[in-house]
Structures are given as C-alpha cells and as structure tokens.
C-alpha cells in the first residue's frame, strides 16, 4: 500500500474513532442527568420560550452579563434541557471524557420555577415573594453551574459565585430603585436564596 493510501486510511480511522468516542461521551452526559436530554434551541418551542422568559427576567433585573452568557452557551450548543433530572436539582454541569461539556436545566424548573420549588403547592407566602424567590433560585443555580463550566472543580467556588451573584442583584439599580412593596418582596427573596444556598453548601460539606 502506498504511503498516501496509508495516510488516508489512518486519517479515516482516526475520524471514525473520534466520532465513536464522542457519541459515547454524549451518551454518558445524558445518563448523568437521567437521559432524554434535549438541546435548548429554537426548534424546541416550549423549552425555548421558557428560556426566553428567564433571559427577559434577567434583563429586567439588569443582569445582562448572565443573560448574555446564557445566550452564548445556547448558541454553542452547550445548554440543554434535562426532563428527567431529579427534583432536588435545578441544573447540572456535566463533563464527559474531556469531549462533551454541557449545562443541563431541569425542564420542570425552567418552565415553572415556583412549581419546582413547591410541587405540593406554595406555602402561605405572598405570590410576589415566591415568584421573586423562584426566579432567583433558577438563575442562581445556572450561575452556579456556569462556575463549574468555567473551571471550578470543587463546590466551594461555585457556591461563592452563586452567593456573589445574589449580592450583585441586591446592589443593582433594579433593587435599589424599587418601590417599598416590591423591595420587601425581593429583599425576602434574596435573603431566602442566600439561606438556601448556604444550607445546600453545608449539606455538601462545603465551608464558605
């Protein structure tokens, strides 16, 4: 066999091997979140509409950096919906075989953050308080997983990034310029989100 043919054969074999390993990595990633993961793009009408609501909420809150990062991840096909992710999770970062890196968002959480928080029905708390809290928890969870995507191997820096983000919201013009009624709702929501994150970190054995 001529050297040229040998080179072509080796290249073909390399491409086939890579493609096979990449498919395995994709399958492993999906398995980590229960399977049936779906790319979050415009073809998934309801999922994409839910993602758009989250991005619009972030824009309303003045959190354009997080909104833009979510858009970049979605454009890079690294933001996915996980229909079967456990009810105890909002989102998850998965890396497989050094080839696949994805952030998955639980579908139920993306579509209805309040129902995800309270599947048996909301407590006796004003609806505006609960809605603010749910949006913060969803966005904070995504911020947490982005920290892992950006290289945070341990949970401590990811929780710190999430808590820092809640601090950004509290210091933002969105929060500072609110009327008294809205500020009370968001103040309660922010305090609750911080407590929730700290409890989750403690349960994970993380000292902040």
Protein backbone atom coordinates (compact mmCIF):
# COMPACT_ATOMS: atom_id res chain seq x y z
CA UNK A 1 0.00 0.00 0.00
CA UNK A 2 1.34 3.39 -0.93
CA UNK A 3 2.21 5.85 1.83
CA UNK A 4 -0.52 8.22 0.63
CA UNK A 5 -3.16 5.50 0.93
CA UNK A 6 -1.87 4.53 4.35
CA UNK A 7 -2.17 8.15 5.49
CA UNK A 8 -5.73 8.45 4.17
CA UNK A 9 -6.64 5.19 5.89
CA UNK A 10 -5.14 6.35 9.17
CA UNK A 11 -7.00 9.65 8.98
CA UNK A 12 -10.27 7.90 8.21
CA UNK A 13 -9.76 5.53 11.12
CA UNK A 14 -8.98 8.48 13.40
CA UNK A 15 -12.15 10.31 12.38
CA UNK A 16 -14.29 7.20 12.88
CA UNK A 17 -12.71 6.53 16.28
CA UNK A 18 -13.22 10.12 17.41
CA UNK A 19 -16.84 10.08 16.25
CA UNK A 20 -17.46 6.87 18.17
CA UNK A 21 -15.86 8.16 21.35
CA UNK A 22 -17.76 11.46 21.01
CA UNK A 23 -21.07 9.59 20.79
CA UNK A 24 -20.12 7.65 23.91
CA UNK A 25 -19.33 10.93 25.69
CA UNK A 26 -22.71 12.35 24.67
CA UNK A 27 -24.48 9.25 25.94
CA UNK A 28 -22.59 9.38 29.24
CA UNK A 29 -23.53 13.04 29.67
CA UNK A 30 -27.20 12.30 29.14
CA UNK A 31 -27.04 9.36 31.52
CA UNK A 32 -25.71 11.65 34.26
CA UNK A 33 -28.97 13.62 34.21
CA UNK A 34 -31.36 10.69 33.77
CA UNK A 35 -31.39 10.55 29.98
CA UNK A 36 -33.51 12.18 27.27
CA UNK A 37 -31.58 15.46 27.29
CA UNK A 38 -32.67 17.95 24.64
CA UNK A 39 -30.64 20.74 23.09
CA UNK A 40 -32.07 24.11 24.13
CA UNK A 41 -32.63 25.74 20.76
CA UNK A 42 -35.46 27.37 18.83
CA UNK A 43 -36.59 24.00 17.46
CA UNK A 44 -37.80 23.14 20.98
CA UNK A 45 -40.59 25.71 21.02
CA UNK A 46 -41.84 25.42 24.59
CA UNK A 47 -38.38 24.97 26.11
CA UNK A 48 -37.01 27.90 24.14
CA UNK A 49 -39.94 30.09 25.19
CA UNK A 50 -39.23 29.19 28.82
CA UNK A 51 -35.56 30.07 28.35
CA UNK A 52 -36.59 33.37 26.78
CA UNK A 53 -38.70 34.15 29.85
CA UNK A 54 -35.65 33.56 32.05
CA UNK A 55 -33.48 35.79 29.86
CA UNK A 56 -36.16 38.52 29.86
CA UNK A 57 -36.35 38.33 33.65
CA UNK A 58 -32.58 38.71 33.89
CA UNK A 59 -32.74 41.72 31.57
CA UNK A 60 -35.45 43.26 33.77
CA UNK A 61 -33.17 42.70 36.76
CA UNK A 62 -30.29 44.41 34.95
CA UNK A 63 -28.31 41.15 34.94
CA UNK A 64 -27.26 41.42 31.32
CA UNK A 65 -23.92 39.67 31.82
CA UNK A 66 -25.61 36.47 32.97
CA UNK A 67 -28.27 36.76 30.29
CA UNK A 68 -25.60 37.16 27.59
CA UNK A 69 -23.62 34.23 28.95
CA UNK A 70 -26.70 32.03 28.77
CA UNK A 71 -27.24 33.12 25.17
CA UNK A 72 -23.62 32.28 24.33
CA UNK A 73 -23.90 28.82 25.88
CA UNK A 74 -27.13 28.17 24.00
CA UNK A 75 -25.56 29.32 20.71
CA UNK A 76 -22.62 26.99 21.36
CA UNK A 77 -25.00 24.04 21.86
CA UNK A 78 -23.83 23.64 25.44
CA UNK A 79 -27.13 24.48 27.15
CA UNK A 80 -29.58 21.59 27.37
CA UNK A 81 -32.88 20.67 28.97
CA UNK A 82 -33.00 17.64 31.25
CA UNK A 83 -36.57 16.28 31.53
CA UNK A 84 -35.51 13.55 33.96
CA UNK A 85 -33.12 15.46 36.21
CA UNK A 86 -34.04 14.82 39.84
CA UNK A 87 -36.49 17.12 41.59
CA UNK A 88 -33.75 18.11 44.06
CA UNK A 89 -31.75 19.80 41.28
CA UNK A 90 -32.35 22.97 39.30
CA UNK A 91 -29.46 22.42 36.92
CA UNK A 92 -26.30 20.37 36.48
CA UNK A 93 -22.95 20.74 34.76
CA UNK A 94 -21.65 17.58 33.11
CA UNK A 95 -18.28 16.94 31.51
CA UNK A 96 -17.65 13.60 29.82
CA UNK A 97 -14.38 12.15 28.55
CA UNK A 98 -12.97 15.62 28.04
CA UNK A 99 -15.10 15.93 24.87
CA UNK A 100 -18.58 16.99 25.96
CA UNK A 101 -19.31 19.90 28.29
CA UNK A 102 -22.92 20.78 28.94
CA UNK A 103 -25.11 22.65 31.37
CA UNK A 104 -28.47 20.97 31.80
CA UNK A 105 -31.51 22.75 33.26
CA UNK A 106 -34.33 20.68 34.71
CA UNK A 107 -37.29 21.12 32.37
CA UNK A 108 -39.88 21.45 35.13
CA UNK A 109 -37.75 24.13 36.84
CA UNK A 110 -37.24 26.09 33.63
CA UNK A 111 -40.93 26.03 32.72
CA UNK A 112 -42.35 26.79 36.17
CA UNK A 113 -39.81 27.72 38.85
CA UNK A 114 -42.45 28.16 41.58
CA UNK A 115 -43.94 24.70 41.00
CA UNK A 116 -40.44 23.22 41.00
CA UNK A 117 -39.85 24.79 44.40
CA UNK A 118 -43.21 23.74 45.82
CA UNK A 119 -44.54 20.66 43.98
CA UNK A 120 -47.18 20.12 46.68
CA UNK A 121 -48.39 23.70 46.49
CA UNK A 122 -46.92 27.01 47.63
CA UNK A 123 -46.79 27.98 51.31
CA UNK A 124 -48.71 30.88 52.80
CA UNK A 125 -46.35 33.49 51.43
CA UNK A 126 -47.35 36.36 49.11
CA UNK A 127 -47.20 35.37 45.45
CA UNK A 128 -44.80 38.19 44.53
CA UNK A 129 -42.36 36.99 47.20
CA UNK A 130 -42.49 33.42 45.91
CA UNK A 131 -42.09 34.44 42.27
CA UNK A 132 -39.04 36.58 43.03
CA UNK A 133 -37.53 33.78 45.09
CA UNK A 134 -38.13 31.22 42.34
CA UNK A 135 -36.51 33.37 39.65
CA UNK A 136 -33.51 33.97 41.90
CA UNK A 137 -33.12 30.28 42.66
CA UNK A 138 -33.31 29.32 38.99
CA UNK A 139 -30.87 31.98 37.82
CA UNK A 140 -28.60 31.39 40.80
CA UNK A 141 -28.45 27.69 40.04
CA UNK A 142 -27.49 28.42 36.44
CA UNK A 143 -24.82 30.84 37.69
CA UNK A 144 -23.54 28.08 39.98
CA UNK A 145 -23.22 25.60 37.11
CA UNK A 146 -21.55 28.19 34.88
CA UNK A 147 -18.87 28.48 37.56
CA UNK A 148 -18.26 24.74 37.17
CA UNK A 149 -18.26 25.13 33.39
CA UNK A 150 -15.61 27.84 33.77
CA UNK A 151 -13.33 25.50 35.68
CA UNK A 152 -14.48 25.37 39.30
CA UNK A 153 -13.88 21.72 40.14
CA UNK A 154 -14.84 21.99 43.80
CA UNK A 155 -18.21 23.15 45.08
CA UNK A 156 -16.89 25.97 47.26
CA UNK A 157 -16.01 28.40 44.43
CA UNK A 158 -19.26 27.57 42.65
CA UNK A 159 -21.29 28.40 45.75
CA UNK A 160 -19.28 31.59 46.23
CA UNK A 161 -20.03 32.61 42.64
CA UNK A 162 -23.73 31.98 43.25
CA UNK A 163 -23.73 33.96 46.51
CA UNK A 164 -21.75 36.79 44.90
CA UNK A 165 -24.40 36.96 42.18
CA UNK A 166 -27.17 37.39 44.76
CA UNK A 167 -25.08 40.22 46.17
CA UNK A 168 -24.89 41.82 42.71
CA UNK A 169 -28.67 41.74 42.45
CA UNK A 170 -29.04 43.38 45.87
CA UNK A 171 -26.62 46.16 44.89
CA UNK A 172 -28.15 46.68 41.44
CA UNK A 173 -30.18 49.66 40.29
CA UNK A 174 -33.05 47.21 39.77
CA UNK A 175 -33.23 46.55 43.51
CA UNK A 176 -32.22 49.97 44.81
CA UNK A 177 -34.80 51.84 42.70
CA UNK A 178 -37.79 49.64 43.66
CA UNK A 179 -40.82 50.95 45.45
CA UNK A 180 -41.23 49.81 49.03
CA UNK A 181 -43.67 46.98 48.27
CA UNK A 182 -41.50 45.43 45.57
CA UNK A 183 -38.36 45.89 47.63
CA UNK A 184 -39.89 43.97 50.51
CA UNK A 185 -40.69 41.06 48.20
CA UNK A 186 -37.23 40.97 46.64
CA UNK A 187 -35.46 41.52 49.95
CA UNK A 188 -37.24 38.46 51.35
CA UNK A 189 -36.45 36.51 48.18
CA UNK A 190 -32.76 37.45 48.25
CA UNK A 191 -32.40 36.59 51.93
CA UNK A 192 -34.16 33.28 51.33
CA UNK A 193 -31.99 32.46 48.30
CA UNK A 194 -28.82 33.13 50.29
CA UNK A 195 -30.01 30.94 53.16
CA UNK A 196 -30.96 28.17 50.73
CA UNK A 197 -27.56 28.29 49.01
CA UNK A 198 -25.69 28.25 52.31
CA UNK A 199 -27.71 25.30 53.56
CA UNK A 200 -27.06 23.43 50.32
CA UNK A 201 -23.34 24.16 50.64
CA UNK A 202 -23.33 22.92 54.22
CA UNK A 203 -25.16 19.75 53.20
CA UNK A 204 -22.48 19.21 50.54
CA UNK A 205 -19.76 19.56 53.18
CA UNK A 206 -18.64 22.97 51.91
CA UNK A 207 -17.34 25.63 54.27
CA UNK A 208 -17.85 29.16 52.98
